[in-house]
Amino acid sequence: MRVYLVEWIPPTPSGGHVGLDEYVSAISECVATIATEPTATKPFLIGHSLGGTLAAAFSACEPRAVRGLLLLGAPLCFQPAMNRFRDALVSMMPPDLSETGIIPGSLLSHGSAFASPHTFVWSRLMDAAMSISDLRALDVHARVERWALDEAPLPGRLVHQIAEWLYRENRFCRGALTVLGRTIGPSCLDIPILAVVNTADEVAPLASIEPLLDALPTNDVSLIKYPGEIGVALQHLGILVGREAYARIWPNILAWLGAHH
């Protein structure tokens, strides 16, 4: 398979007013660039976490541009009382962040920790303790902790739109999200979709994706449940770094890609 990686570039000091339109448009430009290659075919789009949310928004805007969509721990539905992380995040968000410029990555990390201390603080300490007897698990844990120190700033407008339009108002799952002049929702995703959910993840639990899968217009929908594992530090990252994920989950993902190629 020919693999392309979209580079997430930190915003410039004057880039605080960039929002969902610009980020979805950036994915569109990447897909258009791939299409110009001599051996180009329509790509599968794979996204993790917020990357998956943005990939779904692009695929809903331009469903004919991709062959299929893979969502890895990507939250898309945010009903009230879905889980404590969603409700805490909504309750602590200021009413308007759209004019705040660049939001430092450290502030985003602290906000996440306040919203879910179990996920971002206590479970990491527990994972470190449980990894001590397994040097390979401890090595992965240390690498994730080092990666987490590279905190990424985000534009204030993007954070505002994610917090208000998605988390608070649940616009995408309700079919009421407007991106690039188009109103999109689950009914726009008439493409093959594979979703992978870590059942131990509070950031993107099953409840954050299952209503979307039930509302899709296509029957070509698959769901893989991954139970999480020791050594990944943050369960939200388990599907990307876990040894069990590589051994048991990714072969199924690759098989799904092969079946749809």
Protein backbone atom coordinates (compact mmCIF):
# COMPACT_ATOMS: atom_id res chain seq x y z
CA MET A 1 0.00 0.00 0.00
CA ARG A 2 1.11 3.53 -0.74
CA VAL A 3 0.80 5.53 2.49
CA TYR A 4 0.53 9.30 2.83
CA LEU A 5 0.75 11.20 6.11
CA VAL A 6 -0.96 14.54 6.61
CA GLU A 7 1.33 16.75 8.66
CA TRP A 8 -0.44 18.70 11.39
CA ILE A 9 1.44 22.02 11.40
CA PRO A 10 1.16 24.24 14.52
CA PRO A 11 -0.66 27.51 13.81
CA THR A 12 1.30 30.69 13.26
CA PRO A 13 0.98 33.51 15.84
CA SER A 14 -1.62 35.13 13.58
CA GLY A 15 -3.48 31.88 12.88
CA GLY A 16 -5.89 31.91 15.80
CA HIS A 17 -8.88 32.56 13.56
CA VAL A 18 -8.57 29.31 11.63
CA GLY A 19 -11.47 26.91 12.13
CA LEU A 20 -13.13 23.75 10.85
CA ASP A 21 -13.50 25.13 7.32
CA GLU A 22 -9.76 25.60 6.93
CA TYR A 23 -8.80 22.25 8.49
CA VAL A 24 -11.29 20.31 6.35
CA SER A 25 -10.14 22.28 3.30
CA ALA A 26 -6.54 21.26 4.08
CA ILE A 27 -7.54 17.58 3.93
CA SER A 28 -9.29 18.28 0.63
CA GLU A 29 -6.06 19.78 -0.76
CA CYS A 30 -4.10 16.71 0.34
CA VAL A 31 -6.55 14.32 -1.34
CA ALA A 32 -6.49 16.46 -4.51
CA THR A 33 -2.68 16.33 -4.53
CA ILE A 34 -2.72 12.52 -4.29
CA ALA A 35 -5.15 12.40 -7.22
CA THR A 36 -2.59 14.09 -9.50
CA GLU A 37 -0.08 11.24 -9.25
CA PRO A 38 0.28 8.98 -12.31
CA THR A 39 -0.78 5.81 -10.48
CA ALA A 40 -3.30 7.53 -8.25
CA THR A 41 -6.50 5.88 -7.09
CA LYS A 42 -9.04 7.19 -4.60
CA PRO A 43 -7.48 6.84 -1.14
CA PHE A 44 -8.80 5.43 2.09
CA LEU A 45 -8.82 8.12 4.75
CA ILE A 46 -7.70 7.12 8.26
CA GLY A 47 -7.95 9.40 11.27
CA HIS A 48 -7.37 9.05 15.00
CA SER A 49 -9.14 11.13 17.66
CA LEU A 50 -9.74 14.70 16.42
CA GLY A 51 -8.02 13.69 13.18
CA GLY A 52 -10.79 11.13 12.68
CA THR A 53 -13.45 13.73 13.45
CA LEU A 54 -11.99 16.01 10.78
CA ALA A 55 -11.62 13.09 8.35
CA ALA A 56 -15.31 12.27 8.81
CA ALA A 57 -16.27 15.89 8.19
CA PHE A 58 -14.27 15.95 4.96
CA SER A 59 -15.68 12.59 3.83
CA ALA A 60 -19.20 13.89 4.46
CA CYS A 61 -18.45 16.97 2.36
CA GLU A 62 -16.77 15.00 -0.46
CA PRO A 63 -17.81 11.33 -0.18
CA ARG A 64 -16.85 10.59 -3.78
CA ALA A 65 -13.25 11.65 -3.17
CA VAL A 66 -12.37 8.68 -0.93
CA ARG A 67 -12.73 4.92 -1.18
CA GLY A 68 -13.47 4.41 2.49
CA LEU A 69 -13.13 5.92 5.96
CA LEU A 70 -11.38 4.42 9.00
CA LEU A 71 -12.13 6.00 12.37
CA LEU A 72 -9.70 5.12 15.16
CA GLY A 73 -10.94 6.33 18.54
CA ALA A 74 -12.65 9.23 16.78
CA PRO A 75 -15.56 10.83 18.70
CA LEU A 76 -18.40 12.09 16.53
CA CYS A 77 -21.50 11.98 18.75
CA PHE A 78 -21.75 14.03 21.92
CA GLN A 79 -25.13 13.52 23.56
CA PRO A 80 -25.53 15.00 27.06
CA ALA A 81 -24.69 12.48 29.78
CA MET A 82 -22.75 10.39 27.24
CA ASN A 83 -19.89 10.25 29.74
CA ARG A 84 -18.24 12.36 32.42
CA PHE A 85 -15.52 13.67 30.09
CA ARG A 86 -18.01 15.20 27.65
CA ASP A 87 -20.18 16.77 30.37
CA ALA A 88 -17.21 18.14 32.32
CA LEU A 89 -15.63 19.60 29.19
CA VAL A 90 -18.87 21.34 28.20
CA SER A 91 -19.44 22.74 31.69
CA MET A 92 -15.95 24.23 32.02
CA MET A 93 -15.65 25.74 28.52
CA PRO A 94 -16.01 29.55 28.31
CA PRO A 95 -18.96 30.68 26.16
CA ASP A 96 -16.76 32.06 23.36
CA LEU A 97 -13.15 31.23 22.48
CA SER A 98 -13.36 32.25 18.84
CA GLU A 99 -11.43 35.51 19.34
CA THR A 100 -8.79 34.27 21.78
CA GLY A 101 -6.01 33.67 19.24
CA ILE A 102 -3.72 30.69 19.80
CA ILE A 103 -4.52 28.43 22.77
CA PRO A 104 -1.33 26.91 24.26
CA GLY A 105 -1.02 23.14 24.28
CA SER A 106 -0.31 23.18 28.02
CA LEU A 107 -3.68 24.84 28.66
CA LEU A 108 -5.43 22.21 26.55
CA SER A 109 -3.63 19.44 28.45
CA HIS A 110 -4.59 20.91 31.82
CA GLY A 111 -8.19 21.38 30.68
CA SER A 112 -8.37 17.73 29.64
CA ALA A 113 -6.91 16.66 32.99
CA PHE A 114 -9.53 18.70 34.88
CA ALA A 115 -12.31 17.24 32.71
CA SER A 116 -11.14 13.65 33.24
CA PRO A 117 -8.48 13.25 35.94
CA HIS A 118 -8.88 9.47 35.82
CA THR A 119 -7.97 9.36 32.12
CA PHE A 120 -5.19 11.92 32.01
CA VAL A 121 -3.66 11.58 35.50
CA TRP A 122 -4.51 8.55 37.63
CA SER A 123 -4.71 5.93 34.89
CA ARG A 124 -1.28 7.02 33.61
CA LEU A 125 0.22 6.51 37.07
CA MET A 126 -1.51 3.16 37.40
CA ASP A 127 -0.26 2.13 33.95
CA ALA A 128 3.31 3.00 34.93
CA ALA A 129 3.03 0.92 38.09
CA MET A 130 1.53 -2.06 36.26
CA SER A 131 4.22 -1.88 33.55
CA ILE A 132 7.16 -2.15 35.93
CA SER A 133 7.36 -5.94 35.66
CA ASP A 134 7.32 -5.85 31.84
CA LEU A 135 10.26 -3.94 30.35
CA ARG A 136 8.75 -3.81 26.86
CA ALA A 137 5.51 -2.36 28.22
CA LEU A 138 7.48 0.11 30.33
CA ASP A 139 9.45 1.19 27.27
CA VAL A 140 6.26 1.98 25.33
CA HIS A 141 4.82 3.77 28.35
CA ALA A 142 7.93 5.97 28.63
CA ARG A 143 7.82 6.81 24.94
CA VAL A 144 4.16 7.85 25.18
CA GLU A 145 4.92 10.02 28.20
CA ARG A 146 7.75 11.68 26.27
CA TRP A 147 5.45 12.23 23.30
CA ALA A 148 2.83 13.81 25.57
CA LEU A 149 5.32 16.52 26.51
CA ASP A 150 5.25 17.84 22.93
CA GLU A 151 2.04 19.78 23.53
CA ALA A 152 0.48 21.23 20.39
CA PRO A 153 -1.23 24.65 20.36
CA LEU A 154 -4.53 25.04 18.52
CA PRO A 155 -6.34 28.02 17.00
CA GLY A 156 -8.92 29.52 19.34
CA ARG A 157 -11.61 29.43 16.65
CA LEU A 158 -11.08 25.71 16.03
CA VAL A 159 -11.27 24.94 19.77
CA HIS A 160 -14.41 27.08 20.05
CA GLN A 161 -16.12 25.33 17.16
CA ILE A 162 -15.20 21.88 18.46
CA ALA A 163 -16.41 22.74 21.97
CA GLU A 164 -19.63 24.49 20.90
CA TRP A 165 -20.67 22.91 17.62
CA LEU A 166 -19.62 19.34 18.38
CA TYR A 167 -19.41 18.75 22.14
CA ARG A 168 -22.14 21.12 23.32
CA GLU A 169 -24.56 21.11 20.37
CA ASN A 170 -23.75 17.71 18.79
CA ARG A 171 -24.27 19.20 15.33
CA PHE A 172 -22.52 16.53 13.25
CA CYS A 173 -24.45 13.59 14.67
CA ARG A 174 -27.69 15.60 14.35
CA GLY A 175 -26.95 16.38 10.70
CA ALA A 176 -26.72 20.12 11.38
CA LEU A 177 -23.00 20.90 11.02
CA THR A 178 -22.14 23.42 8.31
CA VAL A 179 -18.64 23.08 6.84
CA LEU A 180 -17.42 24.68 3.61
CA GLY A 181 -20.94 25.90 2.95
CA ARG A 182 -22.46 22.41 3.21
CA THR A 183 -24.68 21.05 5.96
CA ILE A 184 -23.40 17.60 6.81
CA GLY A 185 -24.14 14.68 9.09
CA PRO A 186 -24.29 10.86 9.10
CA SER A 187 -26.58 10.75 6.05
CA CYS A 188 -23.75 12.21 3.94
CA LEU A 189 -21.36 9.31 4.69
CA ASP A 190 -22.47 6.86 2.02
CA ILE A 191 -19.07 5.14 1.87
CA PRO A 192 -17.52 2.02 3.45
CA ILE A 193 -16.62 2.76 7.08
CA LEU A 194 -14.59 0.92 9.68
CA ALA A 195 -14.58 2.18 13.27
CA VAL A 196 -12.23 0.97 15.99
CA VAL A 197 -13.23 1.73 19.58
CA ASN A 198 -11.17 1.24 22.71
CA THR A 199 -13.74 0.14 25.29
CA ALA A 200 -11.42 1.38 28.07
CA ASP A 201 -11.22 4.90 26.59
CA GLU A 202 -13.29 7.68 28.16
CA VAL A 203 -12.30 10.28 25.54
CA ALA A 204 -13.87 8.39 22.62
CA PRO A 205 -16.11 5.70 24.12
CA LEU A 206 -18.49 3.47 22.20
CA ALA A 207 -21.32 5.93 22.88
CA SER A 208 -19.42 8.61 20.92
CA ILE A 209 -19.52 6.63 17.66
CA GLU A 210 -22.30 4.03 17.83
CA PRO A 211 -25.22 6.45 17.18
CA LEU A 212 -23.42 7.64 14.05
CA LEU A 213 -22.88 4.09 12.78
CA ASP A 214 -26.56 3.31 13.34
CA ALA A 215 -27.60 6.36 11.30
CA LEU A 216 -25.39 5.74 8.25
CA PRO A 217 -27.07 5.25 4.86
CA THR A 218 -24.66 2.42 3.91
CA ASN A 219 -24.68 -1.19 5.09
CA ASP A 220 -20.92 -1.42 4.57
CA VAL A 221 -20.12 -0.56 8.18
CA SER A 222 -17.78 -2.48 10.49
CA LEU A 223 -16.96 -1.99 14.16
CA ILE A 224 -13.95 -3.43 15.99
CA LYS A 225 -13.89 -3.28 19.78
CA TYR A 226 -10.44 -3.12 21.34
CA PRO A 227 -10.29 -3.73 25.11
CA GLY A 228 -7.18 -1.66 25.77
CA GLU A 229 -3.98 -2.92 27.39
CA ILE A 230 -1.22 -2.24 29.85
CA GLY A 231 1.80 -0.18 28.75
CA VAL A 232 0.12 2.43 26.56
CA ALA A 233 0.02 5.17 29.26
CA LEU A 234 -3.09 6.77 27.75
CA GLN A 235 -5.78 4.32 26.64
CA HIS A 236 -6.87 6.86 24.02
CA LEU A 237 -3.58 6.13 22.24
CA GLY A 238 -3.67 2.35 22.71
CA ILE A 239 -4.76 1.52 19.18
CA LEU A 240 -1.70 3.38 17.85
CA VAL A 241 1.02 2.12 20.17
CA GLY A 242 -0.17 -1.04 21.96
CA ARG A 243 1.53 -4.36 21.30
CA GLU A 244 -1.78 -6.21 21.54
CA ALA A 245 -3.30 -3.71 19.13
CA TYR A 246 -0.57 -4.48 16.59
CA ALA A 247 -0.93 -8.23 17.11
CA ARG A 248 -4.73 -8.51 17.15
CA ILE A 249 -6.41 -5.37 15.84
CA TRP A 250 -4.26 -4.11 12.97
CA PRO A 251 -4.37 -7.42 11.05
CA ASN A 252 -8.17 -6.99 10.98
CA ILE A 253 -7.83 -3.39 9.85
CA LEU A 254 -5.49 -4.40 7.03
CA ALA A 255 -7.81 -7.24 6.06
CA TRP A 256 -10.68 -4.75 5.81
CA LEU A 257 -8.57 -2.48 3.61
CA GLY A 258 -7.62 -5.42 1.41
CA ALA A 259 -11.22 -6.51 1.04
CA HIS A 260 -12.21 -3.02 -0.12
CA HIS A 261 -9.20 -2.37 -2.34
